Amino acid sequence: MVPLTALWLPIVLAAVIVFVGSSILHMVLRYHRSDYRQIQKEESVLISLRDAGVTRGVYMFPYVCGFEEHKKPEVQAKFRQGPVGILTVLPNGQMNMGLYLGRWFVYCLVVSFFVAYLTGRTLPPGTHYLQVFRVAGTAAFMTYGLAQIGNYIWGGQPGGNTTKHVLDGLIYGLLTAGTFGWLWPH
C-alpha cells in the first residue's frame, strides 16, 4: 500500500494535466461545438419561459408527478404530441467562466484523489509503470468517461454527444494513468 501523502504530486499534476488537456479539446479542437442546437423562434421561447416564471433548475416536460398520473389518457396524449424533454436553466447573466473552470479543476482534483486512493490501496511502491497505468487509468476512465453514459440513458443526450464525452473521458483517463505511472513511488 502507498499512503495518500506519498501521492500528492501525481494527484495535483494529474488534475493540472487533465485540466490543460480538456482546455485543448474544448477551446482549440472545438469538436464539441455541434453538441448544442439553437431553438427555432428562440426569442418567443425565451419570452414564454420568462412569462412562466422559469428560474434556475432542471425541468421535465410534460411534467408528471407519479406513475398513476402517467397512465391518464390526457397525459399520454401530451407525450405523444411532444415535445418531450428535460430543460436545464442556468442563472441569469453572462456565464462566469472562471467559476466554471474553477469547479472543473476541483473536480479533477477530487477524481485524482480517489484514483490515488484506489491505486495506492491496491499497488505497492515500486510497481511497474504499466500496472499502475492500468489501475489508475481504469479508475479515471470510469469516472470521467463511463459516468457520461447516464446522460444518454436517462437524460436524453444524443448518442453522438455521449460518444464525444466518453472519448474525452478516455483521453482524461489516459492522461491520469500516465501521470500516476510516471510519478509512482519506488
N, C-alpha and C. Protein backbone atom coordinates (compact mmCIF):
# COMPACT_ATOMS: atom_id res chain seq x y z
N MET A 1 0.83 -1.19 0.00
CA MET A 1 0.00 0.00 0.00
C MET A 1 0.88 1.25 0.00
N VAL A 2 0.36 2.25 -0.69
CA VAL A 2 1.05 3.54 -0.75
C VAL A 2 0.15 4.58 -0.09
N PRO A 3 0.65 5.31 0.92
CA PRO A 3 -0.20 6.31 1.58
C PRO A 3 -0.50 7.48 0.65
N LEU A 4 -1.65 8.10 0.86
CA LEU A 4 -2.05 9.24 0.04
C LEU A 4 -1.04 10.38 0.12
N THR A 5 -0.40 10.53 1.25
CA THR A 5 0.58 11.61 1.39
C THR A 5 1.75 11.45 0.42
N ALA A 6 2.04 10.21 0.04
CA ALA A 6 3.12 9.96 -0.92
C ALA A 6 2.66 10.20 -2.36
N LEU A 7 1.36 10.43 -2.54
CA LEU A 7 0.81 10.58 -3.89
C LEU A 7 0.29 11.99 -4.17
N TRP A 8 0.69 12.95 -3.33
CA TRP A 8 0.18 14.30 -3.53
C TRP A 8 0.60 14.88 -4.88
N LEU A 9 1.83 14.59 -5.32
CA LEU A 9 2.30 15.15 -6.59
C LEU A 9 1.52 14.58 -7.78
N PRO A 10 1.34 13.25 -7.90
CA PRO A 10 0.53 12.78 -9.02
C PRO A 10 -0.93 13.24 -8.93
N ILE A 11 -1.46 13.40 -7.72
CA ILE A 11 -2.84 13.90 -7.59
C ILE A 11 -2.95 15.29 -8.22
N VAL A 12 -2.08 16.19 -7.80
CA VAL A 12 -2.14 17.57 -8.29
C VAL A 12 -1.76 17.66 -9.76
N LEU A 13 -0.69 16.98 -10.14
CA LEU A 13 -0.23 17.07 -11.52
C LEU A 13 -1.21 16.43 -12.50
N ALA A 14 -1.82 15.31 -12.13
CA ALA A 14 -2.83 14.69 -13.00
C ALA A 14 -4.00 15.64 -13.20
N ALA A 15 -4.43 16.33 -12.14
CA ALA A 15 -5.52 17.29 -12.26
C ALA A 15 -5.14 18.43 -13.20
N VAL A 16 -3.92 18.93 -13.07
CA VAL A 16 -3.45 20.01 -13.94
C VAL A 16 -3.38 19.54 -15.39
N ILE A 17 -2.84 18.35 -15.62
CA ILE A 17 -2.70 17.84 -16.98
C ILE A 17 -4.07 17.59 -17.61
N VAL A 18 -5.01 17.02 -16.86
CA VAL A 18 -6.36 16.82 -17.39
C VAL A 18 -7.02 18.16 -17.67
N PHE A 19 -6.85 19.13 -16.78
CA PHE A 19 -7.41 20.46 -16.98
C PHE A 19 -6.89 21.09 -18.27
N VAL A 20 -5.58 21.02 -18.48
CA VAL A 20 -4.98 21.57 -19.71
C VAL A 20 -5.46 20.77 -20.92
N GLY A 21 -5.49 19.45 -20.80
CA GLY A 21 -5.97 18.61 -21.91
C GLY A 21 -7.40 18.92 -22.28
N SER A 22 -8.25 19.11 -21.28
CA SER A 22 -9.65 19.42 -21.58
C SER A 22 -9.78 20.81 -22.21
N SER A 23 -8.93 21.73 -21.80
CA SER A 23 -8.94 23.06 -22.41
C SER A 23 -8.58 22.98 -23.88
N ILE A 24 -7.60 22.14 -24.20
CA ILE A 24 -7.23 21.95 -25.61
C ILE A 24 -8.39 21.34 -26.38
N LEU A 25 -9.02 20.30 -25.81
CA LEU A 25 -10.14 19.65 -26.50
C LEU A 25 -11.29 20.62 -26.75
N HIS A 26 -11.61 21.44 -25.77
CA HIS A 26 -12.79 22.28 -25.87
C HIS A 26 -12.54 23.64 -26.50
N MET A 27 -11.34 24.20 -26.32
CA MET A 27 -11.10 25.56 -26.81
C MET A 27 -10.29 25.59 -28.11
N VAL A 28 -9.50 24.57 -28.34
CA VAL A 28 -8.67 24.57 -29.55
C VAL A 28 -9.30 23.68 -30.62
N LEU A 29 -9.55 22.41 -30.28
CA LEU A 29 -10.12 21.49 -31.26
C LEU A 29 -11.60 21.77 -31.50
N ARG A 30 -12.31 22.17 -30.47
CA ARG A 30 -13.70 22.62 -30.56
C ARG A 30 -14.65 21.64 -31.24
N TYR A 31 -14.40 20.36 -31.12
CA TYR A 31 -15.31 19.40 -31.74
C TYR A 31 -16.61 19.23 -30.96
N HIS A 32 -16.73 19.90 -29.83
CA HIS A 32 -17.98 19.87 -29.07
C HIS A 32 -18.93 21.00 -29.51
N ARG A 33 -18.49 21.82 -30.45
CA ARG A 33 -19.30 22.96 -30.88
C ARG A 33 -20.68 22.50 -31.37
N SER A 34 -20.75 21.33 -31.97
CA SER A 34 -22.02 20.84 -32.52
C SER A 34 -22.89 20.14 -31.48
N ASP A 35 -22.48 20.14 -30.22
CA ASP A 35 -23.26 19.46 -29.18
C ASP A 35 -24.59 20.15 -28.88
N TYR A 36 -24.67 21.43 -29.14
CA TYR A 36 -25.87 22.21 -28.81
C TYR A 36 -26.47 22.79 -30.08
N ARG A 37 -27.80 22.80 -30.11
CA ARG A 37 -28.50 23.37 -31.25
C ARG A 37 -29.33 24.57 -30.79
N GLN A 38 -29.59 25.46 -31.71
CA GLN A 38 -30.41 26.63 -31.39
C GLN A 38 -31.88 26.27 -31.58
N ILE A 39 -32.71 26.74 -30.66
CA ILE A 39 -34.15 26.56 -30.77
C ILE A 39 -34.68 27.55 -31.81
N GLN A 40 -35.53 27.06 -32.71
CA GLN A 40 -36.18 27.95 -33.67
C GLN A 40 -37.10 28.89 -32.90
N LYS A 41 -37.21 30.11 -33.36
CA LYS A 41 -38.03 31.13 -32.70
C LYS A 41 -37.59 31.31 -31.24
N GLU A 42 -36.28 31.37 -31.06
CA GLU A 42 -35.70 31.45 -29.72
C GLU A 42 -36.28 32.59 -28.89
N GLU A 43 -36.46 33.74 -29.49
CA GLU A 43 -36.94 34.90 -28.72
C GLU A 43 -38.32 34.63 -28.13
N SER A 44 -39.22 34.05 -28.91
CA SER A 44 -40.57 33.78 -28.38
C SER A 44 -40.53 32.69 -27.32
N VAL A 45 -39.62 31.72 -27.45
CA VAL A 45 -39.47 30.68 -26.43
C VAL A 45 -38.96 31.31 -25.14
N LEU A 46 -37.97 32.20 -25.24
CA LEU A 46 -37.43 32.88 -24.05
C LEU A 46 -38.50 33.72 -23.36
N ILE A 47 -39.30 34.41 -24.14
CA ILE A 47 -40.39 35.21 -23.56
C ILE A 47 -41.37 34.29 -22.84
N SER A 48 -41.72 33.17 -23.45
CA SER A 48 -42.64 32.22 -22.82
C SER A 48 -42.08 31.67 -21.51
N LEU A 49 -40.79 31.36 -21.51
CA LEU A 49 -40.16 30.85 -20.29
C LEU A 49 -40.16 31.90 -19.18
N ARG A 50 -39.85 33.15 -19.54
CA ARG A 50 -39.88 34.23 -18.55
C ARG A 50 -41.30 34.44 -18.02
N ASP A 51 -42.27 34.44 -18.94
CA ASP A 51 -43.67 34.63 -18.53
C ASP A 51 -44.14 33.50 -17.62
N ALA A 52 -43.59 32.30 -17.80
CA ALA A 52 -43.97 31.15 -16.97
C ALA A 52 -43.23 31.16 -15.62
N GLY A 53 -42.33 32.11 -15.43
CA GLY A 53 -41.61 32.21 -14.16
C GLY A 53 -40.53 31.15 -14.00
N VAL A 54 -40.01 30.66 -15.11
CA VAL A 54 -38.98 29.63 -15.05
C VAL A 54 -37.69 30.25 -14.51
N THR A 55 -37.15 29.66 -13.46
CA THR A 55 -35.90 30.11 -12.86
C THR A 55 -34.91 28.96 -12.89
N ARG A 56 -33.74 29.21 -12.34
CA ARG A 56 -32.68 28.20 -12.33
C ARG A 56 -33.20 26.86 -11.81
N GLY A 57 -32.86 25.79 -12.53
CA GLY A 57 -33.28 24.46 -12.11
C GLY A 57 -33.35 23.51 -13.29
N VAL A 58 -33.82 22.32 -13.01
CA VAL A 58 -33.99 21.29 -14.04
C VAL A 58 -35.48 20.99 -14.13
N TYR A 59 -36.00 21.05 -15.34
CA TYR A 59 -37.42 20.87 -15.58
C TYR A 59 -37.64 19.71 -16.55
N MET A 60 -38.74 19.00 -16.35
CA MET A 60 -39.11 17.93 -17.27
C MET A 60 -40.48 18.28 -17.84
N PHE A 61 -40.63 18.06 -19.13
CA PHE A 61 -41.92 18.33 -19.74
C PHE A 61 -42.26 17.25 -20.75
N PRO A 62 -43.52 16.85 -20.80
CA PRO A 62 -44.58 17.14 -19.85
C PRO A 62 -44.20 16.63 -18.46
N TYR A 63 -44.60 17.38 -17.45
CA TYR A 63 -44.28 17.01 -16.08
C TYR A 63 -45.35 16.07 -15.54
N VAL A 64 -44.91 14.97 -14.94
CA VAL A 64 -45.80 14.00 -14.32
C VAL A 64 -45.27 13.74 -12.93
N CYS A 65 -46.15 13.84 -11.92
CA CYS A 65 -45.67 13.69 -10.55
C CYS A 65 -45.80 12.27 -10.01
N GLY A 66 -46.27 11.34 -10.79
CA GLY A 66 -46.35 9.97 -10.30
C GLY A 66 -46.79 9.02 -11.40
N PHE A 67 -46.63 7.74 -11.12
CA PHE A 67 -46.94 6.71 -12.11
C PHE A 67 -48.43 6.68 -12.44
N GLU A 68 -49.27 6.90 -11.43
CA GLU A 68 -50.72 6.88 -11.66
C GLU A 68 -51.13 7.99 -12.63
N GLU A 69 -50.56 9.16 -12.45
CA GLU A 69 -50.88 10.27 -13.35
C GLU A 69 -50.41 9.97 -14.77
N HIS A 70 -49.30 9.28 -14.88
CA HIS A 70 -48.73 8.94 -16.19
C HIS A 70 -49.68 8.07 -17.01
N LYS A 71 -50.55 7.31 -16.34
CA LYS A 71 -51.49 6.41 -17.03
C LYS A 71 -52.68 7.15 -17.64
N LYS A 72 -52.93 8.38 -17.21
CA LYS A 72 -54.10 9.12 -17.68
C LYS A 72 -54.01 9.38 -19.18
N PRO A 73 -55.11 9.20 -19.91
CA PRO A 73 -55.09 9.39 -21.38
C PRO A 73 -54.63 10.78 -21.80
N GLU A 74 -55.04 11.82 -21.06
CA GLU A 74 -54.65 13.18 -21.46
C GLU A 74 -53.15 13.40 -21.29
N VAL A 75 -52.55 12.74 -20.31
CA VAL A 75 -51.10 12.84 -20.11
C VAL A 75 -50.38 12.07 -21.20
N GLN A 76 -50.86 10.88 -21.51
CA GLN A 76 -50.26 10.09 -22.60
C GLN A 76 -50.34 10.84 -23.92
N ALA A 77 -51.44 11.57 -24.13
CA ALA A 77 -51.59 12.36 -25.36
C ALA A 77 -50.53 13.46 -25.43
N LYS A 78 -50.24 14.10 -24.28
CA LYS A 78 -49.19 15.13 -24.26
C LYS A 78 -47.84 14.54 -24.67
N PHE A 79 -47.54 13.33 -24.19
CA PHE A 79 -46.27 12.69 -24.53
C PHE A 79 -46.23 12.34 -26.02
N ARG A 80 -47.35 11.85 -26.55
CA ARG A 80 -47.37 11.51 -27.98
C ARG A 80 -47.20 12.75 -28.85
N GLN A 81 -47.87 13.84 -28.46
CA GLN A 81 -47.82 15.07 -29.24
C GLN A 81 -46.43 15.72 -29.17
N GLY A 82 -45.80 15.65 -27.98
CA GLY A 82 -44.47 16.23 -27.81
C GLY A 82 -44.50 17.74 -27.81
N PRO A 83 -43.39 18.38 -27.67
CA PRO A 83 -42.09 17.76 -27.41
C PRO A 83 -41.99 17.23 -25.98
N VAL A 84 -41.11 16.27 -25.82
CA VAL A 84 -40.80 15.67 -24.52
C VAL A 84 -39.35 16.03 -24.23
N GLY A 85 -39.07 16.51 -23.04
CA GLY A 85 -37.69 16.89 -22.80
C GLY A 85 -37.35 17.19 -21.37
N ILE A 86 -36.09 17.45 -21.19
CA ILE A 86 -35.53 17.89 -19.93
C ILE A 86 -34.82 19.21 -20.22
N LEU A 87 -35.12 20.22 -19.44
CA LEU A 87 -34.57 21.55 -19.66
C LEU A 87 -33.76 21.97 -18.44
N THR A 88 -32.52 22.32 -18.65
CA THR A 88 -31.69 22.86 -17.58
C THR A 88 -31.60 24.37 -17.76
N VAL A 89 -31.98 25.11 -16.73
CA VAL A 89 -31.93 26.56 -16.78
C VAL A 89 -30.84 27.03 -15.82
N LEU A 90 -29.91 27.81 -16.35
CA LEU A 90 -28.79 28.35 -15.57
C LEU A 90 -29.18 29.69 -14.97
N PRO A 91 -28.36 30.21 -14.05
CA PRO A 91 -28.65 31.54 -13.51
C PRO A 91 -28.59 32.59 -14.62
N ASN A 92 -29.41 33.63 -14.49
CA ASN A 92 -29.39 34.72 -15.47
C ASN A 92 -28.03 35.41 -15.46
N GLY A 93 -27.68 35.98 -16.59
CA GLY A 93 -26.43 36.73 -16.71
C GLY A 93 -25.41 35.97 -17.53
N GLN A 94 -24.34 36.68 -17.85
CA GLN A 94 -23.24 36.09 -18.61
C GLN A 94 -22.61 34.97 -17.80
N MET A 95 -22.23 33.89 -18.47
CA MET A 95 -21.59 32.77 -17.77
C MET A 95 -20.26 33.22 -17.19
N ASN A 96 -20.03 32.89 -15.93
CA ASN A 96 -18.78 33.20 -15.25
C ASN A 96 -17.81 32.04 -15.51
N MET A 97 -17.05 32.14 -16.59
CA MET A 97 -16.17 31.02 -16.97
C MET A 97 -15.14 30.72 -15.90
N GLY A 98 -14.67 31.73 -15.18
CA GLY A 98 -13.72 31.48 -14.10
C GLY A 98 -14.29 30.56 -13.05
N LEU A 99 -15.55 30.77 -12.69
CA LEU A 99 -16.21 29.93 -11.71
C LEU A 99 -16.34 28.49 -12.22
N TYR A 100 -16.80 28.34 -13.47
CA TYR A 100 -16.97 27.01 -14.04
C TYR A 100 -15.63 26.28 -14.19
N LEU A 101 -14.61 27.00 -14.64
CA LEU A 101 -13.29 26.39 -14.78
C LEU A 101 -12.72 26.01 -13.41
N GLY A 102 -12.95 26.85 -12.41
CA GLY A 102 -12.51 26.53 -11.05
C GLY A 102 -13.19 25.27 -10.53
N ARG A 103 -14.48 25.15 -10.76
CA ARG A 103 -15.21 23.94 -10.35
C ARG A 103 -14.69 22.72 -11.08
N TRP A 104 -14.40 22.86 -12.36
CA TRP A 104 -13.87 21.75 -13.15
C TRP A 104 -12.52 21.31 -12.59
N PHE A 105 -11.66 22.26 -12.25
CA PHE A 105 -10.36 21.90 -11.70
C PHE A 105 -10.50 21.19 -10.35
N VAL A 106 -11.39 21.68 -9.50
CA VAL A 106 -11.63 21.00 -8.22
C VAL A 106 -12.13 19.58 -8.47
N TYR A 107 -13.02 19.41 -9.45
CA TYR A 107 -13.50 18.07 -9.80
C TYR A 107 -12.33 17.19 -10.24
N CYS A 108 -11.44 17.72 -11.06
CA CYS A 108 -10.26 16.95 -11.50
C CYS A 108 -9.40 16.55 -10.30
N LEU A 109 -9.26 17.44 -9.33
CA LEU A 109 -8.52 17.10 -8.10
C LEU A 109 -9.21 15.98 -7.33
N VAL A 110 -10.52 16.06 -7.22
CA VAL A 110 -11.28 15.03 -6.50
C VAL A 110 -11.14 13.68 -7.20
N VAL A 111 -11.25 13.67 -8.52
CA VAL A 111 -11.07 12.42 -9.27
C VAL A 111 -9.67 11.87 -9.02
N SER A 112 -8.67 12.72 -9.13
CA SER A 112 -7.28 12.27 -8.91
C SER A 112 -7.08 11.75 -7.50
N PHE A 113 -7.73 12.37 -6.52
CA PHE A 113 -7.64 11.91 -5.14
C PHE A 113 -8.16 10.48 -5.02
N PHE A 114 -9.32 10.21 -5.59
CA PHE A 114 -9.89 8.87 -5.49
C PHE A 114 -9.13 7.85 -6.33
N VAL A 115 -8.58 8.28 -7.46
CA VAL A 115 -7.71 7.40 -8.23
C VAL A 115 -6.49 7.04 -7.38
N ALA A 116 -5.92 8.03 -6.70
CA ALA A 116 -4.77 7.78 -5.83
C ALA A 116 -5.15 6.84 -4.69
N TYR A 117 -6.31 7.05 -4.11
CA TYR A 117 -6.75 6.19 -3.01
C TYR A 117 -6.86 4.74 -3.48
N LEU A 118 -7.55 4.51 -4.58
CA LEU A 118 -7.74 3.15 -5.09
C LEU A 118 -6.42 2.53 -5.51
N THR A 119 -5.65 3.26 -6.28
CA THR A 119 -4.37 2.73 -6.77
C THR A 119 -3.41 2.50 -5.61
N GLY A 120 -3.38 3.43 -4.67
CA GLY A 120 -2.49 3.30 -3.51
C GLY A 120 -2.86 2.15 -2.60
N ARG A 121 -4.12 1.77 -2.56
CA ARG A 121 -4.56 0.66 -1.73
C ARG A 121 -4.34 -0.69 -2.41
N THR A 122 -4.22 -0.69 -3.72
CA THR A 122 -4.10 -1.97 -4.44
C THR A 122 -2.70 -2.28 -4.92
N LEU A 123 -1.84 -1.26 -5.01
CA LEU A 123 -0.50 -1.49 -5.55
C LEU A 123 0.57 -1.00 -4.57
N PRO A 124 1.65 -1.75 -4.43
CA PRO A 124 2.73 -1.34 -3.53
C PRO A 124 3.70 -0.37 -4.22
N PRO A 125 4.56 0.27 -3.43
CA PRO A 125 5.62 1.09 -4.03
C PRO A 125 6.48 0.22 -4.95
N GLY A 126 6.99 0.83 -6.00
CA GLY A 126 7.86 0.11 -6.91
C GLY A 126 7.13 -0.70 -7.97
N THR A 127 5.81 -0.61 -8.01
CA THR A 127 5.04 -1.33 -9.04
C THR A 127 5.41 -0.78 -10.41
N HIS A 128 5.50 -1.69 -11.38
CA HIS A 128 5.86 -1.33 -12.75
C HIS A 128 4.87 -0.30 -13.33
N TYR A 129 5.40 0.59 -14.16
CA TYR A 129 4.63 1.67 -14.78
C TYR A 129 3.32 1.18 -15.39
N LEU A 130 3.38 0.12 -16.18
CA LEU A 130 2.20 -0.33 -16.91
C LEU A 130 1.10 -0.82 -15.98
N GLN A 131 1.47 -1.46 -14.88
CA GLN A 131 0.45 -1.92 -13.93
C GLN A 131 -0.23 -0.73 -13.24
N VAL A 132 0.56 0.27 -12.86
CA VAL A 132 -0.02 1.49 -12.28
C VAL A 132 -0.91 2.17 -13.32
N PHE A 133 -0.44 2.24 -14.55
CA PHE A 133 -1.19 2.84 -15.65
C PHE A 133 -2.55 2.18 -15.79
N ARG A 134 -2.58 0.84 -15.74
CA ARG A 134 -3.85 0.10 -15.91
C ARG A 134 -4.84 0.43 -14.80
N VAL A 135 -4.39 0.35 -13.56
CA VAL A 135 -5.31 0.56 -12.43
C VAL A 135 -5.77 2.02 -12.39
N ALA A 136 -4.83 2.95 -12.45
CA ALA A 136 -5.19 4.37 -12.38
C ALA A 136 -6.04 4.78 -13.59
N GLY A 137 -5.67 4.30 -14.76
CA GLY A 137 -6.41 4.65 -15.97
C GLY A 137 -7.83 4.11 -15.98
N THR A 138 -7.99 2.89 -15.48
CA THR A 138 -9.33 2.31 -15.41
C THR A 138 -10.22 3.11 -14.47
N ALA A 139 -9.69 3.43 -13.30
CA ALA A 139 -10.48 4.20 -12.32
C ALA A 139 -10.82 5.59 -12.87
N ALA A 140 -9.86 6.24 -13.50
CA ALA A 140 -10.11 7.58 -14.04
C ALA A 140 -11.10 7.53 -15.19
N PHE A 141 -10.98 6.54 -16.07
CA PHE A 141 -11.92 6.43 -17.20
C PHE A 141 -13.33 6.15 -16.71
N MET A 142 -13.46 5.32 -15.69
CA MET A 142 -14.79 5.05 -15.15
C MET A 142 -15.44 6.33 -14.65
N THR A 143 -14.64 7.20 -14.06
CA THR A 143 -15.18 8.46 -13.53
C THR A 143 -15.44 9.47 -14.64
N TYR A 144 -14.46 9.73 -15.46
CA TYR A 144 -14.60 10.75 -16.50
C TYR A 144 -15.44 10.29 -17.69
N GLY A 145 -15.32 9.03 -18.07
CA GLY A 145 -15.95 8.56 -19.30
C GLY A 145 -17.26 7.83 -19.11
N LEU A 146 -17.22 6.73 -18.37
CA LEU A 146 -18.42 5.91 -18.23
C LEU A 146 -19.55 6.64 -17.53
N ALA A 147 -19.22 7.57 -16.66
CA ALA A 147 -20.25 8.33 -15.95
C ALA A 147 -21.13 9.12 -16.93
N GLN A 148 -20.62 9.41 -18.11
CA GLN A 148 -21.37 10.19 -19.10
C GLN A 148 -22.53 9.41 -19.71
N ILE A 149 -22.46 8.10 -19.66
CA ILE A 149 -23.47 7.27 -20.32
C ILE A 149 -24.84 7.44 -19.66
N GLY A 150 -24.87 7.76 -18.38
CA GLY A 150 -26.14 8.03 -17.71
C GLY A 150 -26.91 9.17 -18.35
N ASN A 151 -26.20 10.16 -18.89
CA ASN A 151 -26.87 11.27 -19.57
C ASN A 151 -27.56 10.81 -20.85
N TYR A 152 -27.01 9.79 -21.49
CA TYR A 152 -27.63 9.20 -22.68
C TYR A 152 -28.85 8.37 -22.28
N ILE A 153 -28.69 7.56 -21.25
CA ILE A 153 -29.76 6.66 -20.83
C ILE A 153 -30.94 7.43 -20.24
N TRP A 154 -30.68 8.31 -19.30
CA TRP A 154 -31.75 8.96 -18.55
C TRP A 154 -32.00 10.40 -18.96
N GLY A 155 -31.02 11.07 -19.52
CA GLY A 155 -31.17 12.50 -19.80
C GLY A 155 -31.50 12.84 -21.23
N GLY A 156 -31.59 11.84 -22.10
CA GLY A 156 -31.94 12.10 -23.49
C GLY A 156 -30.83 12.70 -24.32
N GLN A 157 -29.60 12.68 -23.82
CA GLN A 157 -28.48 13.23 -24.57
C GLN A 157 -28.27 12.40 -25.84
N PRO A 158 -28.13 13.03 -26.99
CA PRO A 158 -27.91 12.27 -28.23
C PRO A 158 -26.66 11.39 -28.15
N GLY A 159 -26.70 10.28 -28.87
CA GLY A 159 -25.59 9.34 -28.86
C GLY A 159 -24.27 9.94 -29.31
N GLY A 160 -24.32 10.84 -30.29
CA GLY A 160 -23.10 11.48 -30.76
C GLY A 160 -22.44 12.34 -29.69
N ASN A 161 -23.26 13.08 -28.95
CA ASN A 161 -22.73 13.89 -27.84
C ASN A 161 -22.10 12.99 -26.79
N THR A 162 -22.82 11.91 -26.45
CA THR A 162 -22.33 10.99 -25.43
C THR A 162 -21.02 10.36 -25.86
N THR A 163 -20.94 9.95 -27.12
CA THR A 163 -19.72 9.34 -27.63
C THR A 163 -18.54 10.29 -27.49
N LYS A 164 -18.75 11.57 -27.81
CA LYS A 164 -17.67 12.55 -27.68
C LYS A 164 -17.24 12.72 -26.23
N HIS A 165 -18.21 12.73 -25.32
CA HIS A 165 -17.88 12.88 -23.90
C HIS A 165 -17.17 11.64 -23.36
N VAL A 166 -17.57 10.47 -23.81
CA VAL A 166 -16.88 9.24 -23.39
C VAL A 166 -15.46 9.24 -23.95
N LEU A 167 -15.28 9.69 -25.18
CA LEU A 167 -13.94 9.80 -25.76
C LEU A 167 -13.09 10.79 -24.96
N ASP A 168 -13.68 11.92 -24.58
CA ASP A 168 -12.97 12.86 -23.70
C ASP A 168 -12.53 12.15 -22.42
N GLY A 169 -13.46 11.38 -21.83
CA GLY A 169 -13.16 10.65 -20.60
C GLY A 169 -12.04 9.66 -20.78
N LEU A 170 -11.99 9.02 -21.95
CA LEU A 170 -10.88 8.10 -22.24
C LEU A 170 -9.56 8.86 -22.28
N ILE A 171 -9.56 10.00 -22.94
CA ILE A 171 -8.33 10.82 -23.00
C ILE A 171 -7.92 11.27 -21.60
N TYR A 172 -8.87 11.73 -20.80
CA TYR A 172 -8.56 12.16 -19.44
C TYR A 172 -8.05 10.98 -18.61
N GLY A 173 -8.64 9.82 -18.83
CA GLY A 173 -8.19 8.62 -18.12
C GLY A 173 -6.76 8.26 -18.49
N LEU A 174 -6.44 8.36 -19.78
CA LEU A 174 -5.07 8.06 -20.23
C LEU A 174 -4.07 9.07 -19.67
N LEU A 175 -4.46 10.34 -19.65
CA LEU A 175 -3.57 11.37 -19.08
C LEU A 175 -3.33 11.12 -17.59
N THR A 176 -4.40 10.78 -16.88
CA THR A 176 -4.27 10.48 -15.45
C THR A 176 -3.40 9.25 -15.24
N ALA A 177 -3.65 8.21 -16.04
CA ALA A 177 -2.88 6.97 -15.92
C ALA A 177 -1.40 7.21 -16.16
N GLY A 178 -1.09 7.96 -17.20
CA GLY A 178 0.31 8.25 -17.49
C GLY A 178 0.99 9.02 -16.38
N THR A 179 0.28 9.96 -15.79
CA THR A 179 0.84 10.76 -14.70
C THR A 179 1.12 9.89 -13.48
N PHE A 180 0.16 9.04 -13.11
CA PHE A 180 0.36 8.17 -11.95
C PHE A 180 1.45 7.14 -12.21
N GLY A 181 1.49 6.58 -13.40
CA GLY A 181 2.55 5.62 -13.72
C GLY A 181 3.93 6.25 -13.66
N TRP A 182 4.03 7.46 -14.17
CA TRP A 182 5.30 8.20 -14.22
C TRP A 182 5.79 8.56 -12.82
N LEU A 183 4.87 9.00 -11.94
CA LEU A 183 5.27 9.51 -10.63
C LEU A 183 5.03 8.53 -9.49
N TRP A 184 4.81 7.26 -9.82
CA TRP A 184 4.55 6.26 -8.77
C TRP A 184 5.79 6.07 -7.90
N PRO A 185 5.63 6.07 -6.58
CA PRO A 185 6.79 5.92 -5.68
C PRO A 185 7.52 4.60 -5.89
N HIS A 186 8.86 4.66 -5.74
CA HIS A 186 9.68 3.44 -5.90
C HIS A 186 10.10 2.89 -4.58
